[in-house]
PDB file of N, CA and C in Angstrom:
ATOM      1  N   MET A   1       0.789  -1.027   0.248  1.00  0.00           N
ATOM      2  CA  MET A   1      -0.153  -0.125  -0.073  1.00  0.00           C
ATOM      3  C   MET A   1       1.011   1.510   0.024  1.00  0.00           C
ATOM      4  N   ASN A   2       0.820   2.443  -0.861  1.00  0.00           N
ATOM      5  CA  ASN A   2       1.839   3.529  -1.067  1.00  0.00           C
ATOM      6  C   ASN A   2       0.394   4.960  -1.256  1.00  0.00           C
ATOM      7  N   GLY A   3       0.532   5.720  -0.515  1.00  0.00           N
ATOM      8  CA  GLY A   3      -0.019   7.008  -0.340  1.00  0.00           C
ATOM      9  C   GLY A   3       0.891   7.749  -0.008  1.00  0.00           C
ATOM     10  N   TYR A   4       0.639   8.763  -1.135  1.00  0.00           N
ATOM     11  CA  TYR A   4       1.035  10.452  -0.798  1.00  0.00           C
ATOM     12  C   TYR A   4       0.216  11.278  -1.601  1.00  0.00           C
ATOM     13  N   TRP A   5       0.436  12.845  -0.514  1.00  0.00           N
ATOM     14  CA  TRP A   5      -0.100  13.630  -0.771  1.00  0.00           C
ATOM     15  C   TRP A   5      -1.915  13.791   0.095  1.00  0.00           C
ATOM     16  N   ILE A   6      -1.363  13.031   1.215  1.00  0.00           N
ATOM     17  CA  ILE A   6      -2.786  12.473   1.571  1.00  0.00           C
ATOM     18  C   ILE A   6      -2.857  13.905   2.710  1.00  0.00           C
ATOM     19  N   PRO A   7      -4.570  14.343   2.605  1.00  0.00           N
ATOM     20  CA  PRO A   7      -5.052  15.397   3.404  1.00  0.00           C
ATOM     21  C   PRO A   7      -5.038  14.963   4.911  1.00  0.00           C
ATOM     22  N   ASN A   8      -4.767  15.724   5.782  1.00  0.00           N
ATOM     23  CA  ASN A   8      -4.682  15.576   6.763  1.00  0.00           C
ATOM     24  C   ASN A   8      -5.761  14.606   7.444  1.00  0.00           C
ATOM     25  N   ASN A   9      -5.638  13.859   8.664  1.00  0.00           N
ATOM     26  CA  ASN A   9      -6.399  12.952   9.169  1.00  0.00           C
ATOM     27  C   ASN A   9      -7.482  11.924   8.338  1.00  0.00           C
ATOM     28  N   THR A  10      -7.178  11.674   6.709  1.00  0.00           N
ATOM     29  CA  THR A  10      -7.355  10.919   5.872  1.00  0.00           C
ATOM     30  C   THR A  10      -7.105  10.104   6.002  1.00  0.00           C
ATOM     31  N   TYR A  11      -7.437   8.872   4.920  1.00  0.00           N
ATOM     32  CA  TYR A  11      -6.543   8.135   4.901  1.00  0.00           C
ATOM     33  C   TYR A  11      -6.629   7.156   3.419  1.00  0.00           C
ATOM     34  N   VAL A  12      -5.784   6.150   3.526  1.00  0.00           N
ATOM     35  CA  VAL A  12      -5.547   5.353   1.989  1.00  0.00           C
ATOM     36  C   VAL A  12      -5.446   3.811   2.878  1.00  0.00           C
ATOM     37  N   GLY A  13      -5.877   2.725   2.085  1.00  0.00           N
ATOM     38  CA  GLY A  13      -5.664   1.704   2.837  1.00  0.00           C
ATOM     39  C   GLY A  13      -6.525   0.434   1.448  1.00  0.00           C
ATOM     40  N   VAL A  14      -6.544  -0.563   2.310  1.00  0.00           N
ATOM     41  CA  VAL A  14      -7.338  -1.801   1.969  1.00  0.00           C
ATOM     42  C   VAL A  14      -8.225  -2.155   3.330  1.00  0.00           C
ATOM     43  N   SER A  15      -9.470  -2.939   2.618  1.00  0.00           N
ATOM     44  CA  SER A  15     -10.369  -3.681   3.905  1.00  0.00           C
ATOM     45  C   SER A  15     -11.079  -4.553   3.428  1.00  0.00           C
ATOM     46  N   GLN A  16     -12.013  -5.287   4.086  1.00  0.00           N
ATOM     47  CA  GLN A  16     -12.578  -6.273   4.456  1.00  0.00           C
ATOM     48  C   GLN A  16     -13.811  -6.162   5.350  1.00  0.00           C
ATOM     49  N   THR A  17     -15.066  -6.668   4.551  1.00  0.00           N
ATOM     50  CA  THR A  17     -16.177  -6.696   5.358  1.00  0.00           C
ATOM     51  C   THR A  17     -16.435  -7.887   6.025  1.00  0.00           C
ATOM     52  N   LEU A  18     -16.671  -8.263   6.752  1.00  0.00           N
ATOM     53  CA  LEU A  18     -17.202  -9.922   6.740  1.00  0.00           C
ATOM     54  C   LEU A  18     -18.164 -10.129   8.038  1.00  0.00           C
ATOM     55  N   ARG A  19     -18.811 -11.222   8.078  1.00  0.00           N
ATOM     56  CA  ARG A  19     -20.070 -11.134   9.007  1.00  0.00           C
ATOM     57  C   ARG A  19     -19.687 -11.741  10.314  1.00  0.00           C
ATOM     58  N   VAL A  20     -20.065 -11.066  11.566  1.00  0.00           N
ATOM     59  CA  VAL A  20     -19.301 -11.864  12.436  1.00  0.00           C
ATOM     60  C   VAL A  20     -20.621 -12.082  13.561  1.00  0.00           C
ATOM     61  N   ILE A  21     -19.973 -13.030  14.468  1.00  0.00           N
ATOM     62  CA  ILE A  21     -20.513 -13.877  15.831  1.00  0.00           C
ATOM     63  C   ILE A  21     -20.667 -12.724  17.093  1.00  0.00           C
ATOM     64  N   PRO A  22     -21.760 -12.485  17.630  1.00  0.00           N
ATOM     65  CA  PRO A  22     -21.860 -11.514  18.596  1.00  0.00           C
ATOM     66  C   PRO A  22     -21.416 -12.270  19.838  1.00  0.00           C
ATOM     67  N   ASP A  23     -20.932 -11.796  20.714  1.00  0.00           N
ATOM     68  CA  ASP A  23     -20.104 -11.780  21.903  1.00  0.00           C
ATOM     69  C   ASP A  23     -19.121 -13.032  21.987  1.00  0.00           C
ATOM     70  N   LYS A  24     -18.716 -13.117  21.020  1.00  0.00           N
ATOM     71  CA  LYS A  24     -17.369 -13.907  20.401  1.00  0.00           C
ATOM     72  C   LYS A  24     -16.118 -13.611  21.032  1.00  0.00           C
ATOM     73  N   SER A  25     -15.513 -13.894  21.205  1.00  0.00           N
ATOM     74  CA  SER A  25     -14.123 -13.499  21.136  1.00  0.00           C
ATOM     75  C   SER A  25     -13.244 -13.862  20.274  1.00  0.00           C
ATOM     76  N   PHE A  26     -12.154 -12.480  19.934  1.00  0.00           N
ATOM     77  CA  PHE A  26     -11.543 -12.944  18.267  1.00  0.00           C
ATOM     78  C   PHE A  26     -10.305 -12.050  18.613  1.00  0.00           C
ATOM     79  N   ASN A  27      -9.427 -12.360  17.827  1.00  0.00           N
ATOM     80  CA  ASN A  27      -8.334 -11.160  17.589  1.00  0.00           C
ATOM     81  C   ASN A  27      -8.210 -11.316  15.573  1.00  0.00           C
ATOM     82  N   ILE A  28      -7.320 -10.275  15.375  1.00  0.00           N
ATOM     83  CA  ILE A  28      -6.923  -9.568  14.002  1.00  0.00           C
ATOM     84  C   ILE A  28      -5.432  -9.710  14.415  1.00  0.00           C
ATOM     85  N   SER A  29      -4.347 -10.554  12.969  1.00  0.00           N
ATOM     86  CA  SER A  29      -3.264 -10.261  12.928  1.00  0.00           C
ATOM     87  C   SER A  29      -3.041 -10.010  11.548  1.00  0.00           C
ATOM     88  N   GLY A  30      -1.760  -9.247  11.345  1.00  0.00           N
ATOM     89  CA  GLY A  30      -1.192  -9.780  10.098  1.00  0.00           C
ATOM     90  C   GLY A  30       0.486  -8.837  10.750  1.00  0.00           C
ATOM     91  N   SER A  31       1.168  -9.427   9.519  1.00  0.00           N
ATOM     92  CA  SER A  31       2.648  -8.792   9.715  1.00  0.00           C
ATOM     93  C   SER A  31       2.294  -7.928   8.777  1.00  0.00           C
ATOM     94  N   VAL A  32       3.081  -6.923   9.154  1.00  0.00           N
ATOM     95  CA  VAL A  32       3.176  -5.211   8.301  1.00  0.00           C
ATOM     96  C   VAL A  32       5.020  -4.998   8.294  1.00  0.00           C
ATOM     97  N   ASN A  33       5.050  -4.460   6.921  1.00  0.00           N
ATOM     98  CA  ASN A  33       6.563  -3.813   6.527  1.00  0.00           C
ATOM     99  C   ASN A  33       6.425  -2.663   6.481  1.00  0.00           C
ATOM    100  N   ILE A  34       6.637  -1.877   7.442  1.00  0.00           N
ATOM    101  CA  ILE A  34       6.346  -0.236   6.779  1.00  0.00           C
ATOM    102  C   ILE A  34       7.510   0.668   6.184  1.00  0.00           C
ATOM    103  N   ASN A  35       7.420   0.405   5.087  1.00  0.00           N
ATOM    104  CA  ASN A  35       8.900   1.055   4.339  1.00  0.00           C
ATOM    105  C   ASN A  35       9.467   2.884   4.521  1.00  0.00           C
ATOM    106  N   MET A  36       7.883   3.613   5.064  1.00  0.00           N
ATOM    107  CA  MET A  36       8.556   5.092   4.836  1.00  0.00           C
ATOM    108  C   MET A  36       7.028   5.999   5.617  1.00  0.00           C
ATOM    109  N   LEU A  37       6.993   6.607   6.087  1.00  0.00           N
ATOM    110  CA  LEU A  37       6.515   7.158   6.455  1.00  0.00           C
ATOM    111  C   LEU A  37       6.376   8.620   6.917  1.00  0.00           C
ATOM    112  N   TYR A  38       6.216   9.630   6.512  1.00  0.00           N
ATOM    113  CA  TYR A  38       6.146  10.790   6.729  1.00  0.00           C
ATOM    114  C   TYR A  38       4.470  11.340   7.271  1.00  0.00           C
ATOM    115  N   GLN A  39       4.608  12.029   8.395  1.00  0.00           N
ATOM    116  CA  GLN A  39       3.297  12.759   8.784  1.00  0.00           C
ATOM    117  C   GLN A  39       2.281  11.966   8.568  1.00  0.00           C
ATOM    118  N   SER A  40       2.394  10.647   8.879  1.00  0.00           N
ATOM    119  CA  SER A  40       1.375   9.599   8.684  1.00  0.00           C
ATOM    120  C   SER A  40       1.624   8.323  10.146  1.00  0.00           C
ATOM    121  N   LYS A  41       0.455   7.479  10.006  1.00  0.00           N
ATOM    122  CA  LYS A  41       1.009   6.475  11.052  1.00  0.00           C
ATOM    123  C   LYS A  41       0.377   5.056  10.114  1.00  0.00           C
ATOM    124  N   VAL A  42       0.661   3.823  10.167  1.00  0.00           N
ATOM    125  CA  VAL A  42      -0.388   2.944   9.818  1.00  0.00           C
ATOM    126  C   VAL A  42      -1.128   2.144  10.691  1.00  0.00           C
ATOM    127  N   GLN A  43      -2.324   1.635  10.573  1.00  0.00           N
ATOM    128  CA  GLN A  43      -3.343   1.571  11.489  1.00  0.00           C
ATOM    129  C   GLN A  43      -4.128   0.262  11.175  1.00  0.00           C
ATOM    130  N   MET A  44      -4.157  -0.449  12.081  1.00  0.00           N
ATOM    131  CA  MET A  44      -5.145  -1.794  11.901  1.00  0.00           C
ATOM    132  C   MET A  44      -6.382  -0.898  12.975  1.00  0.00           C
ATOM    133  N   TYR A  45      -7.603  -1.163  12.120  1.00  0.00           N
ATOM    134  CA  TYR A  45      -8.700  -1.109  11.894  1.00  0.00           C
ATOM    135  C   TYR A  45     -10.117  -2.036  12.406  1.00  0.00           C
ATOM    136  N   ILE A  46     -10.870  -2.043  13.589  1.00  0.00           N
ATOM    137  CA  ILE A  46     -12.038  -3.002  12.794  1.00  0.00           C
ATOM    138  C   ILE A  46     -12.989  -2.115  13.118  1.00  0.00           C
ATOM    139  N   ASP A  47     -13.912  -1.812  12.620  1.00  0.00           N
ATOM    140  CA  ASP A  47     -15.224  -1.253  12.601  1.00  0.00           C
ATOM    141  C   ASP A  47     -16.577  -2.493  13.157  1.00  0.00           C
ATOM    142  N   PHE A  48     -17.266  -1.998  14.152  1.00  0.00           N
ATOM    143  CA  PHE A  48     -18.693  -3.013  14.515  1.00  0.00           C
ATOM    144  C   PHE A  48     -19.887  -2.562  13.705  1.00  0.00           C
ATOM    145  N   TYR A  49     -20.656  -2.859  13.066  1.00  0.00           N
ATOM    146  CA  TYR A  49     -21.930  -2.347  12.485  1.00  0.00           C
ATOM    147  C   TYR A  49     -23.391  -3.724  13.240  1.00  0.00           C
ATOM    148  N   SER A  50     -24.350  -2.559  12.989  1.00  0.00           N
ATOM    149  CA  SER A  50     -25.784  -3.860  13.940  1.00  0.00           C
ATOM    150  C   SER A  50     -26.264  -4.179  12.189  1.00  0.00           C
ATOM    151  N   MET A  51     -27.263  -4.940  12.460  1.00  0.00           N
ATOM    152  CA  MET A  51     -27.571  -5.445  11.360  1.00  0.00           C
ATOM    153  C   MET A  51     -28.257  -4.260  10.440  1.00  0.00           C
ATOM    154  N   ASP A  52     -28.593  -2.951  10.604  1.00  0.00           N
ATOM    155  CA  ASP A  52     -29.456  -2.042   9.643  1.00  0.00           C
ATOM    156  C   ASP A  52     -27.986  -1.379   9.359  1.00  0.00           C
ATOM    157  N   GLY A  53     -27.177  -1.487   9.726  1.00  0.00           N
ATOM    158  CA  GLY A  53     -25.892  -0.491   9.722  1.00  0.00           C
ATOM    159  C   GLY A  53     -25.558   0.110   9.989  1.00  0.00           C
ATOM    160  N   ALA A  54     -25.621   0.657  11.380  1.00  0.00           N
ATOM    161  CA  ALA A  54     -25.370   1.317  12.043  1.00  0.00           C
ATOM    162  C   ALA A  54     -24.150   1.083  12.571  1.00  0.00           C
ATOM    163  N   PHE A  55     -23.441   2.483  12.856  1.00  0.00           N
ATOM    164  CA  PHE A  55     -22.163   1.772  13.557  1.00  0.00           C
ATOM    165  C   PHE A  55     -21.696   1.454  15.252  1.00  0.00           C
ATOM    166  N   ILE A  56     -21.664   0.826  15.570  1.00  0.00           N
ATOM    167  CA  ILE A  56     -21.824  -0.005  17.213  1.00  0.00           C
ATOM    168  C   ILE A  56     -19.775   0.813  17.777  1.00  0.00           C
ATOM    169  N   SER A  57     -19.474   0.669  17.344  1.00  0.00           N
ATOM    170  CA  SER A  57     -17.739   0.356  17.855  1.00  0.00           C
ATOM    171  C   SER A  57     -17.026  -0.012  16.993  1.00  0.00           C
ATOM    172  N   SER A  58     -15.348   0.610  17.208  1.00  0.00           N
ATOM    173  CA  SER A  58     -14.075   0.297  16.937  1.00  0.00           C
ATOM    174  C   SER A  58     -13.326  -0.054  17.817  1.00  0.00           C
ATOM    175  N   SER A  59     -12.098  -0.480  17.317  1.00  0.00           N
ATOM    176  CA  SER A  59     -10.912  -1.371  17.764  1.00  0.00           C
ATOM    177  C   SER A  59      -9.386  -0.532  16.866  1.00  0.00           C
ATOM    178  N   ILE A  60      -8.744   0.442  17.508  1.00  0.00           N
ATOM    179  CA  ILE A  60      -7.565   0.437  16.176  1.00  0.00           C
ATOM    180  C   ILE A  60      -6.600   0.263  17.369  1.00  0.00           C
ATOM    181  N   LYS A  61      -5.406   0.554  16.357  1.00  0.00           N
ATOM    182  CA  LYS A  61      -3.981  -0.105  16.825  1.00  0.00           C
ATOM    183  C   LYS A  61      -2.967   0.570  16.157  1.00  0.00           C
ATOM    184  N   ASP A  62      -2.201   1.417  16.055  1.00  0.00           N
ATOM    185  CA  ASP A  62      -1.236   2.130  15.686  1.00  0.00           C
ATOM    186  C   ASP A  62       0.152   1.578  15.773  1.00  0.00           C
ATOM    187  N   MET A  63       0.678   2.372  14.115  1.00  0.00           N
ATOM    188  CA  MET A  63       2.136   1.583  14.532  1.00  0.00           C
ATOM    189  C   MET A  63       2.813   3.239  13.749  1.00  0.00           C
ATOM    190  N   ASN A  64       3.863   3.470  14.366  1.00  0.00           N
ATOM    191  CA  ASN A  64       3.994   4.825  14.096  1.00  0.00           C
ATOM    192  C   ASN A  64       5.804   4.595  13.839  1.00  0.00           C
ATOM    193  N   GLU A  65       6.389   4.140  13.344  1.00  0.00           N
ATOM    194  CA  GLU A  65       7.776   3.189  12.751  1.00  0.00           C
ATOM    195  C   GLU A  65       8.177   2.643  11.690  1.00  0.00           C
ATOM    196  N   ALA A  66       8.968   3.294  10.691  1.00  0.00           N
ATOM    197  CA  ALA A  66       9.228   2.722   9.847  1.00  0.00           C
ATOM    198  C   ALA A  66      10.277   1.846   9.697  1.00  0.00           C
ATOM    199  N   ASN A  67      10.057   1.003   9.886  1.00  0.00           N
ATOM    200  CA  ASN A  67      11.759   0.071  10.491  1.00  0.00           C
ATOM    201  C   ASN A  67      12.421  -1.046   9.141  1.00  0.00           C
ATOM    202  N   GLY A  68      11.617  -0.923   8.407  1.00  0.00           N
ATOM    203  CA  GLY A  68      11.817  -1.821   6.851  1.00  0.00           C
ATOM    204  C   GLY A  68      11.818  -3.520   7.532  1.00  0.00           C
ATOM    205  N   LYS A  69      10.985  -3.952   8.106  1.00  0.00           N
ATOM    206  CA  LYS A  69      10.984  -5.561   8.344  1.00  0.00           C
ATOM    207  C   LYS A  69       9.747  -5.660   9.169  1.00  0.00           C
ATOM    208  N   TYR A  70       9.332  -6.909   8.969  1.00  0.00           N
ATOM    209  CA  TYR A  70       8.055  -7.260   9.080  1.00  0.00           C
ATOM    210  C   TYR A  70       7.530  -7.769  10.912  1.00  0.00           C
ATOM    211  N   THR A  71       6.474  -6.631  10.862  1.00  0.00           N
ATOM    212  CA  THR A  71       6.403  -6.818  12.988  1.00  0.00           C
ATOM    213  C   THR A  71       4.790  -7.151  13.050  1.00  0.00           C
ATOM    214  N   LEU A  72       4.601  -8.197  13.920  1.00  0.00           N
ATOM    215  CA  LEU A  72       3.207  -8.569  13.565  1.00  0.00           C
ATOM    216  C   LEU A  72       2.168  -7.234  14.174  1.00  0.00           C
ATOM    217  N   PHE A  73       1.029  -7.035  13.691  1.00  0.00           N
ATOM    218  CA  PHE A  73       0.401  -6.041  13.996  1.00  0.00           C
ATOM    219  C   PHE A  73      -1.166  -7.340  14.852  1.00  0.00           C
ATOM    220  N   ALA A  74      -1.191  -7.071  16.001  1.00  0.00           N
ATOM    221  CA  ALA A  74      -2.392  -7.881  16.863  1.00  0.00           C
ATOM    222  C   ALA A  74      -3.391  -7.249  17.490  1.00  0.00           C
ATOM    223  N   TYR A  75      -3.922  -7.786  17.750  1.00  0.00           N
ATOM    224  CA  TYR A  75      -5.216  -6.873  18.858  1.00  0.00           C
ATOM    225  C   TYR A  75      -6.797  -8.283  18.736  1.00  0.00           C
ATOM    226  N   GLN A  76      -6.762  -8.026  19.915  1.00  0.00           N
ATOM    227  CA  GLN A  76      -7.666  -9.125  20.792  1.00  0.00           C
ATOM    228  C   GLN A  76      -8.980  -8.117  21.337  1.00  0.00           C
ATOM    229  N   GLY A  77      -9.512  -8.662  21.145  1.00  0.00           N
ATOM    230  CA  GLY A  77     -11.326  -8.581  21.509  1.00  0.00           C
ATOM    231  C   GLY A  77     -12.952  -9.161  22.001  1.00  0.00           C
ATOM    232  N   ILE A  78     -13.705  -9.112  22.207  1.00  0.00           N
ATOM    233  CA  ILE A  78     -14.965  -9.345  21.782  1.00  0.00           C
ATOM    234  C   ILE A  78     -15.769  -8.551  21.495  1.00  0.00           C
ATOM    235  N   ILE A  79     -17.046  -9.506  20.277  1.00  0.00           N
ATOM    236  CA  ILE A  79     -17.349  -8.871  19.371  1.00  0.00           C
ATOM    237  C   ILE A  79     -18.511  -8.210  20.165  1.00  0.00           C
ATOM    238  N   PRO A  80     -18.654  -7.045  19.981  1.00  0.00           N
ATOM    239  CA  PRO A  80     -19.879  -6.265  20.340  1.00  0.00           C
ATOM    240  C   PRO A  80     -21.425  -7.226  20.599  1.00  0.00           C
ATOM    241  N   SER A  81     -22.348  -7.368  21.789  1.00  0.00           N
ATOM    242  CA  SER A  81     -23.454  -7.824  21.799  1.00  0.00           C
ATOM    243  C   SER A  81     -24.720  -7.808  19.889  1.00  0.00           C
ATOM    244  N   ASN A  82     -24.416  -6.131  19.697  1.00  0.00           N
ATOM    245  CA  ASN A  82     -25.470  -6.238  18.865  1.00  0.00           C
ATOM    246  C   ASN A  82     -25.044  -5.878  17.359  1.00  0.00           C
ATOM    247  N   ALA A  83     -23.232  -6.514  17.623  1.00  0.00           N
ATOM    248  CA  ALA A  83     -23.115  -6.367  15.864  1.00  0.00           C
ATOM    249  C   ALA A  83     -22.990  -7.708  15.223  1.00  0.00           C
ATOM    250  N   VAL A  84     -22.867  -7.573  13.999  1.00  0.00           N
ATOM    251  CA  VAL A  84     -23.556  -8.245  12.900  1.00  0.00           C
ATOM    252  C   VAL A  84     -22.438  -8.431  11.912  1.00  0.00           C
ATOM    253  N   PHE A  85     -21.709  -7.333  11.595  1.00  0.00           N
ATOM    254  CA  PHE A  85     -20.799  -7.002  10.904  1.00  0.00           C
ATOM    255  C   PHE A  85     -19.939  -6.326  11.160  1.00  0.00           C
ATOM    256  N   ALA A  86     -18.479  -6.351  10.887  1.00  0.00           N
ATOM    257  CA  ALA A  86     -17.001  -5.672  11.207  1.00  0.00           C
ATOM    258  C   ALA A  86     -16.513  -5.885  10.083  1.00  0.00           C
ATOM    259  N   THR A  87     -16.050  -4.553   9.738  1.00  0.00           N
ATOM    260  CA  THR A  87     -15.238  -3.996   9.127  1.00  0.00           C
ATOM    261  C   THR A  87     -13.681  -4.154   9.045  1.00  0.00           C
ATOM    262  N   ILE A  88     -12.849  -4.577   8.284  1.00  0.00           N
ATOM    263  CA  ILE A  88     -11.159  -4.802   9.215  1.00  0.00           C
ATOM    264  C   ILE A  88     -10.415  -3.879   8.365  1.00  0.00           C
ATOM    265  N   TYR A  89      -9.514  -2.592   8.248  1.00  0.00           N
ATOM    266  CA  TYR A  89      -9.092  -1.856   7.829  1.00  0.00           C
ATOM    267  C   TYR A  89      -7.236  -2.135   7.908  1.00  0.00           C
ATOM    268  N   PHE A  90      -6.280  -2.048   7.114  1.00  0.00           N
ATOM    269  CA  PHE A  90      -4.743  -1.773   7.545  1.00  0.00           C
ATOM    270  C   PHE A  90      -4.676  -0.720   6.569  1.00  0.00           C
ATOM    271  N   LEU A  91      -4.757   0.272   7.075  1.00  0.00           N
ATOM    272  CA  LEU A  91      -4.464   1.563   6.498  1.00  0.00           C
ATOM    273  C   LEU A  91      -3.043   2.589   6.149  1.00  0.00           C
ATOM    274  N   ILE A  92      -3.052   3.603   5.695  1.00  0.00           N
ATOM    275  CA  ILE A  92      -2.377   4.530   6.215  1.00  0.00           C
ATOM    276  C   ILE A  92      -2.852   5.994   6.576  1.00  0.00           C
ATOM    277  N   ARG A  93      -2.885   6.751   7.595  1.00  0.00           N
ATOM    278  CA  ARG A  93      -3.894   7.649   7.859  1.00  0.00           C
ATOM    279  C   ARG A  93      -2.630   8.439   8.371  1.00  0.00           C
ATOM    280  N   SER A  94      -2.979   9.765   7.660  1.00  0.00           N
ATOM    281  CA  SER A  94      -2.225  11.324   7.366  1.00  0.00           C
ATOM    282  C   SER A  94      -1.901  11.868   9.242  1.00  0.00           C
ATOM    283  N   THR A  95      -1.288  12.319   9.692  1.00  0.00           N
ATOM    284  CA  THR A  95      -1.398  12.817  10.601  1.00  0.00           C
ATOM    285  C   THR A  95      -0.678  14.563  10.899  1.00  0.00           C
ATOM    286  N   GLY A  96      -0.727  14.914   9.207  1.00  0.00           N
ATOM    287  CA  GLY A  96      -0.475  16.074   9.138  1.00  0.00           C
ATOM    288  C   GLY A  96      -0.851  16.474   7.591  1.00  0.00           C
ATOM    289  N   ASP A  97      -0.798  17.949   7.412  1.00  0.00           N
ATOM    290  CA  ASP A  97      -0.859  17.935   5.351  1.00  0.00           C
ATOM    291  C   ASP A  97       0.053  17.433   4.875  1.00  0.00           C
ATOM    292  N   TYR A  98      -0.387  16.761   3.522  1.00  0.00           N
ATOM    293  CA  TYR A  98       0.663  15.813   2.216  1.00  0.00           C
ATOM    294  C   TYR A  98       1.009  14.855   3.617  1.00  0.00           C
ATOM    295  N   GLY A  99       0.534  14.367   4.035  1.00  0.00           N
ATOM    296  CA  GLY A  99       0.914  12.827   4.347  1.00  0.00           C
ATOM    297  C   GLY A  99       1.828  11.939   3.660  1.00  0.00           C
ATOM    298  N   ALA A 100       2.166  10.993   3.928  1.00  0.00           N
ATOM    299  CA  ALA A 100       2.424   9.954   2.695  1.00  0.00           C
ATOM    300  C   ALA A 100       2.628   8.929   3.513  1.00  0.00           C
ATOM    301  N   GLY A 101       2.957   7.456   2.839  1.00  0.00           N
ATOM    302  CA  GLY A 101       3.663   6.371   3.599  1.00  0.00           C
ATOM    303  C   GLY A 101       3.555   5.390   2.591  1.00  0.00           C
ATOM    304  N   SER A 102       3.886   4.090   2.961  1.00  0.00           N
ATOM    305  CA  SER A 102       4.264   3.038   2.181  1.00  0.00           C
ATOM    306  C   SER A 102       4.468   1.814   3.237  1.00  0.00           C
ATOM    307  N   PHE A 103       3.424   0.501   2.974  1.00  0.00           N
ATOM    308  CA  PHE A 103       3.902  -0.457   3.737  1.00  0.00           C
ATOM    309  C   PHE A 103       3.221  -1.719   2.591  1.00  0.00           C
ATOM    310  N   TYR A 104       3.725  -2.941   3.182  1.00  0.00           N
ATOM    311  CA  TYR A 104       3.352  -4.298   3.231  1.00  0.00           C
ATOM    312  C   TYR A 104       2.978  -5.152   3.911  1.00  0.00           C
ATOM    313  N   LEU A 105       1.561  -5.527   3.770  1.00  0.00           N
ATOM    314  CA  LEU A 105       0.991  -6.756   4.829  1.00  0.00           C
ATOM    315  C   LEU A 105       1.065  -7.902   4.244  1.00  0.00           C
ATOM    316  N   ASP A 106       1.336  -8.809   4.607  1.00  0.00           N
ATOM    317  CA  ASP A 106       1.477 -10.466   4.792  1.00  0.00           C
ATOM    318  C   ASP A 106       0.860 -11.047   5.909  1.00  0.00           C
ATOM    319  N   SER A 107      -0.133 -12.097   5.390  1.00  0.00           N
ATOM    320  CA  SER A 107      -0.515 -12.924   6.620  1.00  0.00           C
ATOM    321  C   SER A 107      -1.846 -12.044   7.062  1.00  0.00           C
ATOM    322  N   ALA A 108      -2.614 -11.787   7.281  1.00  0.00           N
ATOM    323  CA  ALA A 108      -3.992 -10.594   7.882  1.00  0.00           C
ATOM    324  C   ALA A 108      -4.650 -12.286   8.057  1.00  0.00           C
ATOM    325  N   SER A 109      -5.275 -12.023   9.663  1.00  0.00           N
ATOM    326  CA  SER A 109      -6.189 -12.744   9.752  1.00  0.00           C
ATOM    327  C   SER A 109      -7.038 -12.722  10.877  1.00  0.00           C
ATOM    328  N   PHE A 110      -8.583 -13.345  10.767  1.00  0.00           N
ATOM    329  CA  PHE A 110      -9.478 -12.982  11.872  1.00  0.00           C
ATOM    330  C   PHE A 110      -9.785 -14.403  12.412  1.00  0.00           C
ATOM    331  N   ASN A 111      -9.424 -14.317  13.809  1.00  0.00           N
ATOM    332  CA  ASN A 111     -10.274 -15.580  14.030  1.00  0.00           C
ATOM    333  C   ASN A 111     -10.786 -15.706  15.519  1.00  0.00           C
ATOM    334  N   TYR A 112     -11.997 -16.718  15.691  1.00  0.00           N
ATOM    335  CA  TYR A 112     -12.346 -16.688  16.523  1.00  0.00           C
ATOM    336  C   TYR A 112     -11.273 -17.568  17.394  1.00  0.00           C
ATOM    337  N   ASN A 113     -11.317 -16.736  19.404  1.00  0.00           N
ATOM    338  CA  ASN A 113     -10.614 -17.467  19.851  1.00  0.00           C
ATOM    339  C   ASN A 113     -11.575 -18.918  21.153  1.00  0.00           C
TER     340      ASN A 113
END
């Protein structure tokens, strides 16, 4: 994923929406290799939605260091009781005007515990 000239607090990235089971324990993980960041950060994001598409909650994990090697990005939690769908994102979010970044994503997964 590459992004350049990203306006402040906007993002570029990849996402996938999936059906989830309410009240289940879950984990998300992905190996991320951040090559470059300028006024930006890499985020792993999960948003939960009800059956009618209403937003319920989200969980966010940030990485702010471009180290040029794969690092495990992981999060564990419990799916909200009224959630039916979730969207998972790996993205570059700008933290200033004209943010930029580049990362590789490998082996992303969502699992129930």
